[in-house]
Amino acid sequence: MHATVKLTAILAVAASGAAFAASAEDIIAKERCWACHTSKTTPKGPSWASVAAKYQGQPDAEAKLVQMLKNGGPTPSGDDHKKVAGSDADLKAVVAIVLSSK
C-alpha cells in the first residue's frame, strides 16, 4: 500500500510539470524579444509575421526555430540571435506564437 501512495504522488508531480513551466508571454517579456521583433514590423530583427511566412509549410520549422532560440548564434539573415532561456516546452510555446503571427 505504501508503494502505491508513493507512485501516485510521483505521477501527480510528473503530470503537473507543465503547470510549473513559464508561459510563452513571460519568456518573451523576460528575454525582451520585443526589443528586436514585433508581430508585424522589423525594428531590428524580422517581424514574427515574416518569420511565419518564411517557414510556412515546412514540417521542421518548429524544431529549427526552437534550436535557434536554444543555441543562439547566426540566423539565416546573418545576424546573431541571443540564446533564450527556457525549457523545450517553453521554447515551443514561444515558437508557436511566432509561427501563428500574420
N, C-alpha and C. Protein backbone atom coordinates (compact mmCIF):
# COMPACT_ATOMS: atom_id res chain seq x y z
N MET A 1 0.81 -1.19 0.00
CA MET A 1 0.00 0.00 0.00
C MET A 1 0.87 1.26 0.00
N HIS A 2 1.93 1.25 0.76
CA HIS A 2 2.80 2.41 0.85
C HIS A 2 3.43 2.75 -0.50
N ALA A 3 3.81 1.73 -1.27
CA ALA A 3 4.39 1.95 -2.60
C ALA A 3 3.38 2.58 -3.54
N THR A 4 2.12 2.23 -3.39
CA THR A 4 1.06 2.80 -4.22
C THR A 4 0.92 4.30 -3.96
N VAL A 5 1.02 4.69 -2.71
CA VAL A 5 0.93 6.11 -2.36
C VAL A 5 2.10 6.87 -2.97
N LYS A 6 3.30 6.31 -2.87
CA LYS A 6 4.48 6.96 -3.46
C LYS A 6 4.34 7.09 -4.96
N LEU A 7 3.90 6.01 -5.61
CA LEU A 7 3.73 6.03 -7.06
C LEU A 7 2.70 7.07 -7.47
N THR A 8 1.61 7.15 -6.74
CA THR A 8 0.57 8.14 -7.04
C THR A 8 1.12 9.55 -6.90
N ALA A 9 1.90 9.80 -5.88
CA ALA A 9 2.49 11.12 -5.67
C ALA A 9 3.47 11.46 -6.79
N ILE A 10 4.29 10.50 -7.18
CA ILE A 10 5.25 10.73 -8.26
C ILE A 10 4.52 11.03 -9.56
N LEU A 11 3.49 10.28 -9.87
CA LEU A 11 2.73 10.51 -11.10
C LEU A 11 2.03 11.86 -11.07
N ALA A 12 1.53 12.27 -9.92
CA ALA A 12 0.87 13.57 -9.82
C ALA A 12 1.84 14.71 -10.06
N VAL A 13 3.03 14.60 -9.50
CA VAL A 13 4.05 15.63 -9.71
C VAL A 13 4.48 15.65 -11.17
N ALA A 14 4.70 14.50 -11.77
CA ALA A 14 5.11 14.44 -13.17
C ALA A 14 4.05 15.02 -14.09
N ALA A 15 2.80 14.72 -13.83
CA ALA A 15 1.72 15.22 -14.67
C ALA A 15 1.53 16.72 -14.52
N SER A 16 1.90 17.27 -13.38
CA SER A 16 1.71 18.70 -13.17
C SER A 16 2.93 19.51 -13.57
N GLY A 17 3.94 18.89 -14.15
CA GLY A 17 5.15 19.61 -14.54
C GLY A 17 4.89 20.79 -15.43
N ALA A 18 3.94 20.66 -16.33
CA ALA A 18 3.63 21.77 -17.23
C ALA A 18 3.12 22.98 -16.47
N ALA A 19 2.51 22.74 -15.32
CA ALA A 19 1.99 23.85 -14.52
C ALA A 19 3.11 24.74 -14.01
N PHE A 20 4.31 24.19 -13.85
CA PHE A 20 5.44 24.96 -13.36
C PHE A 20 6.20 25.66 -14.48
N ALA A 21 5.94 25.31 -15.71
CA ALA A 21 6.65 25.92 -16.84
C ALA A 21 6.21 27.37 -17.00
N ALA A 22 7.14 28.22 -17.37
CA ALA A 22 6.82 29.62 -17.61
C ALA A 22 5.98 29.74 -18.87
N SER A 23 5.10 30.73 -18.88
CA SER A 23 4.30 30.93 -20.08
C SER A 23 5.16 31.57 -21.16
N ALA A 24 4.76 31.39 -22.39
CA ALA A 24 5.50 31.97 -23.51
C ALA A 24 5.56 33.49 -23.39
N GLU A 25 4.47 34.09 -22.97
CA GLU A 25 4.46 35.55 -22.83
C GLU A 25 5.45 36.03 -21.78
N ASP A 26 5.61 35.24 -20.70
CA ASP A 26 6.58 35.60 -19.67
C ASP A 26 8.00 35.54 -20.21
N ILE A 27 8.28 34.51 -21.01
CA ILE A 27 9.62 34.38 -21.60
C ILE A 27 9.87 35.52 -22.57
N ILE A 28 8.89 35.84 -23.39
CA ILE A 28 9.04 36.93 -24.36
C ILE A 28 9.32 38.24 -23.63
N ALA A 29 8.63 38.48 -22.54
CA ALA A 29 8.86 39.71 -21.76
C ALA A 29 10.22 39.68 -21.08
N LYS A 30 10.56 38.56 -20.42
CA LYS A 30 11.82 38.45 -19.69
C LYS A 30 13.02 38.58 -20.63
N GLU A 31 12.93 37.96 -21.80
CA GLU A 31 14.05 37.99 -22.74
C GLU A 31 14.06 39.24 -23.62
N ARG A 32 13.04 40.08 -23.46
CA ARG A 32 12.92 41.34 -24.20
C ARG A 32 12.91 41.13 -25.72
N CYS A 33 12.18 40.12 -26.15
CA CYS A 33 12.08 39.83 -27.58
C CYS A 33 11.54 41.03 -28.36
N TRP A 34 10.68 41.80 -27.70
CA TRP A 34 10.05 42.95 -28.36
C TRP A 34 11.07 44.04 -28.70
N ALA A 35 12.26 43.99 -28.14
CA ALA A 35 13.28 44.99 -28.46
C ALA A 35 13.72 44.85 -29.92
N CYS A 36 13.65 43.64 -30.46
CA CYS A 36 14.08 43.41 -31.85
C CYS A 36 12.94 42.97 -32.77
N HIS A 37 11.91 42.36 -32.21
CA HIS A 37 10.83 41.80 -33.03
C HIS A 37 9.47 42.31 -32.58
N THR A 38 8.59 42.52 -33.53
CA THR A 38 7.18 42.71 -33.22
C THR A 38 6.42 41.78 -34.15
N SER A 39 5.13 41.73 -33.98
CA SER A 39 4.37 40.79 -34.81
C SER A 39 4.37 41.21 -36.27
N LYS A 40 4.43 42.51 -36.57
CA LYS A 40 4.29 42.94 -37.97
C LYS A 40 5.40 43.85 -38.48
N THR A 41 6.20 44.44 -37.60
CA THR A 41 7.24 45.36 -38.05
C THR A 41 8.62 44.81 -37.74
N THR A 42 9.63 45.43 -38.30
CA THR A 42 11.00 44.95 -38.13
C THR A 42 11.88 46.04 -37.53
N PRO A 43 11.78 46.28 -36.21
CA PRO A 43 12.64 47.30 -35.61
C PRO A 43 14.13 46.97 -35.72
N LYS A 44 14.49 45.72 -35.51
CA LYS A 44 15.88 45.29 -35.65
C LYS A 44 15.93 43.93 -36.33
N GLY A 45 15.19 42.97 -35.79
CA GLY A 45 15.11 41.63 -36.37
C GLY A 45 13.86 41.52 -37.23
N PRO A 46 13.68 40.39 -37.87
CA PRO A 46 12.50 40.22 -38.71
C PRO A 46 11.21 40.18 -37.88
N SER A 47 10.13 40.64 -38.49
CA SER A 47 8.84 40.54 -37.79
C SER A 47 8.47 39.07 -37.66
N TRP A 48 7.66 38.79 -36.66
CA TRP A 48 7.23 37.41 -36.48
C TRP A 48 6.37 36.96 -37.65
N ALA A 49 5.62 37.89 -38.25
CA ALA A 49 4.80 37.54 -39.41
C ALA A 49 5.69 37.12 -40.58
N SER A 50 6.82 37.79 -40.75
CA SER A 50 7.72 37.41 -41.85
C SER A 50 8.41 36.08 -41.57
N VAL A 51 8.71 35.81 -40.31
CA VAL A 51 9.28 34.51 -39.94
C VAL A 51 8.25 33.41 -40.20
N ALA A 52 7.00 33.66 -39.81
CA ALA A 52 5.93 32.68 -40.04
C ALA A 52 5.76 32.41 -41.53
N ALA A 53 5.80 33.47 -42.34
CA ALA A 53 5.65 33.30 -43.79
C ALA A 53 6.82 32.51 -44.37
N LYS A 54 8.02 32.79 -43.89
CA LYS A 54 9.20 32.11 -44.39
C LYS A 54 9.16 30.60 -44.10
N TYR A 55 8.68 30.24 -42.93
CA TYR A 55 8.68 28.84 -42.52
C TYR A 55 7.35 28.12 -42.79
N GLN A 56 6.40 28.82 -43.39
CA GLN A 56 5.08 28.22 -43.64
C GLN A 56 5.22 26.95 -44.48
N GLY A 57 4.58 25.91 -44.03
CA GLY A 57 4.57 24.64 -44.75
C GLY A 57 5.81 23.78 -44.56
N GLN A 58 6.79 24.27 -43.83
CA GLN A 58 7.99 23.47 -43.58
C GLN A 58 7.75 22.59 -42.35
N PRO A 59 7.78 21.28 -42.52
CA PRO A 59 7.47 20.39 -41.40
C PRO A 59 8.44 20.50 -40.22
N ASP A 60 9.66 20.94 -40.47
CA ASP A 60 10.65 21.03 -39.39
C ASP A 60 10.83 22.46 -38.88
N ALA A 61 9.89 23.34 -39.20
CA ALA A 61 10.02 24.75 -38.81
C ALA A 61 10.12 24.90 -37.29
N GLU A 62 9.24 24.22 -36.56
CA GLU A 62 9.26 24.36 -35.11
C GLU A 62 10.61 23.92 -34.55
N ALA A 63 11.10 22.78 -34.99
CA ALA A 63 12.38 22.26 -34.48
C ALA A 63 13.53 23.21 -34.80
N LYS A 64 13.55 23.73 -36.03
CA LYS A 64 14.62 24.68 -36.41
C LYS A 64 14.61 25.92 -35.54
N LEU A 65 13.42 26.48 -35.33
CA LEU A 65 13.34 27.71 -34.56
C LEU A 65 13.62 27.48 -33.08
N VAL A 66 13.17 26.36 -32.54
CA VAL A 66 13.48 26.04 -31.14
C VAL A 66 14.99 25.92 -30.97
N GLN A 67 15.66 25.24 -31.88
CA GLN A 67 17.12 25.10 -31.79
C GLN A 67 17.81 26.46 -31.89
N MET A 68 17.31 27.34 -32.78
CA MET A 68 17.92 28.67 -32.91
C MET A 68 17.77 29.44 -31.60
N LEU A 69 16.59 29.36 -30.97
CA LEU A 69 16.40 30.06 -29.71
C LEU A 69 17.26 29.45 -28.60
N LYS A 70 17.32 28.15 -28.60
CA LYS A 70 18.05 27.42 -27.56
C LYS A 70 19.56 27.67 -27.64
N ASN A 71 20.10 27.66 -28.85
CA ASN A 71 21.55 27.74 -29.04
C ASN A 71 22.05 29.14 -29.35
N GLY A 72 21.18 30.01 -29.84
CA GLY A 72 21.62 31.32 -30.28
C GLY A 72 22.48 31.19 -31.52
N GLY A 73 23.19 32.25 -31.86
CA GLY A 73 24.11 32.19 -32.99
C GLY A 73 23.53 32.72 -34.28
N PRO A 74 24.22 32.44 -35.38
CA PRO A 74 23.83 33.02 -36.67
C PRO A 74 22.43 32.58 -37.12
N THR A 75 21.72 33.54 -37.66
CA THR A 75 20.40 33.28 -38.22
C THR A 75 20.53 33.23 -39.74
N PRO A 76 19.49 32.80 -40.43
CA PRO A 76 19.55 32.77 -41.90
C PRO A 76 19.85 34.14 -42.52
N SER A 77 19.49 35.22 -41.81
CA SER A 77 19.76 36.56 -42.34
C SER A 77 21.18 37.02 -42.05
N GLY A 78 21.95 36.23 -41.29
CA GLY A 78 23.33 36.58 -41.00
C GLY A 78 23.54 37.25 -39.66
N ASP A 79 22.47 37.67 -39.01
CA ASP A 79 22.59 38.28 -37.69
C ASP A 79 22.77 37.19 -36.64
N ASP A 80 23.25 37.57 -35.48
CA ASP A 80 23.35 36.64 -34.36
C ASP A 80 22.14 36.80 -33.47
N HIS A 81 21.53 35.70 -33.12
CA HIS A 81 20.39 35.71 -32.19
C HIS A 81 20.91 35.25 -30.84
N LYS A 82 20.46 35.91 -29.79
CA LYS A 82 20.90 35.51 -28.45
C LYS A 82 20.22 34.21 -28.04
N LYS A 83 20.82 33.52 -27.08
CA LYS A 83 20.19 32.34 -26.50
C LYS A 83 19.00 32.78 -25.67
N VAL A 84 17.94 31.99 -25.74
CA VAL A 84 16.74 32.29 -24.96
C VAL A 84 16.59 31.21 -23.90
N ALA A 85 16.50 31.62 -22.65
CA ALA A 85 16.39 30.68 -21.54
C ALA A 85 14.98 30.11 -21.48
N GLY A 86 14.89 28.81 -21.32
CA GLY A 86 13.60 28.15 -21.16
C GLY A 86 13.70 26.68 -21.51
N SER A 87 12.73 25.94 -21.04
CA SER A 87 12.69 24.51 -21.37
C SER A 87 12.28 24.35 -22.83
N ASP A 88 12.43 23.14 -23.34
CA ASP A 88 11.99 22.88 -24.71
C ASP A 88 10.51 23.19 -24.87
N ALA A 89 9.71 22.82 -23.87
CA ALA A 89 8.27 23.09 -23.93
C ALA A 89 7.99 24.59 -23.96
N ASP A 90 8.74 25.36 -23.17
CA ASP A 90 8.57 26.81 -23.15
C ASP A 90 8.95 27.40 -24.50
N LEU A 91 10.08 26.95 -25.06
CA LEU A 91 10.53 27.48 -26.34
C LEU A 91 9.57 27.10 -27.46
N LYS A 92 9.00 25.91 -27.39
CA LYS A 92 7.99 25.51 -28.38
C LYS A 92 6.77 26.43 -28.29
N ALA A 93 6.41 26.83 -27.09
CA ALA A 93 5.28 27.74 -26.93
C ALA A 93 5.59 29.11 -27.53
N VAL A 94 6.82 29.60 -27.36
CA VAL A 94 7.22 30.87 -27.97
C VAL A 94 7.19 30.74 -29.48
N VAL A 95 7.73 29.65 -30.01
CA VAL A 95 7.75 29.42 -31.46
C VAL A 95 6.33 29.34 -32.00
N ALA A 96 5.42 28.74 -31.25
CA ALA A 96 4.02 28.65 -31.69
C ALA A 96 3.42 30.04 -31.86
N ILE A 97 3.77 30.95 -30.97
CA ILE A 97 3.28 32.34 -31.10
C ILE A 97 3.86 32.97 -32.35
N VAL A 98 5.16 32.77 -32.57
CA VAL A 98 5.81 33.35 -33.75
C VAL A 98 5.18 32.78 -35.03
N LEU A 99 5.04 31.47 -35.10
CA LEU A 99 4.55 30.84 -36.32
C LEU A 99 3.08 31.12 -36.58
N SER A 100 2.33 31.55 -35.56
CA SER A 100 0.92 31.87 -35.76
C SER A 100 0.71 33.33 -36.12
N SER A 101 1.78 34.11 -36.17
CA SER A 101 1.68 35.53 -36.48
C SER A 101 1.33 35.73 -37.95
N LYS A 102 0.51 36.73 -38.19
CA LYS A 102 0.09 37.05 -39.57
C LYS A 102 0.24 38.53 -39.82
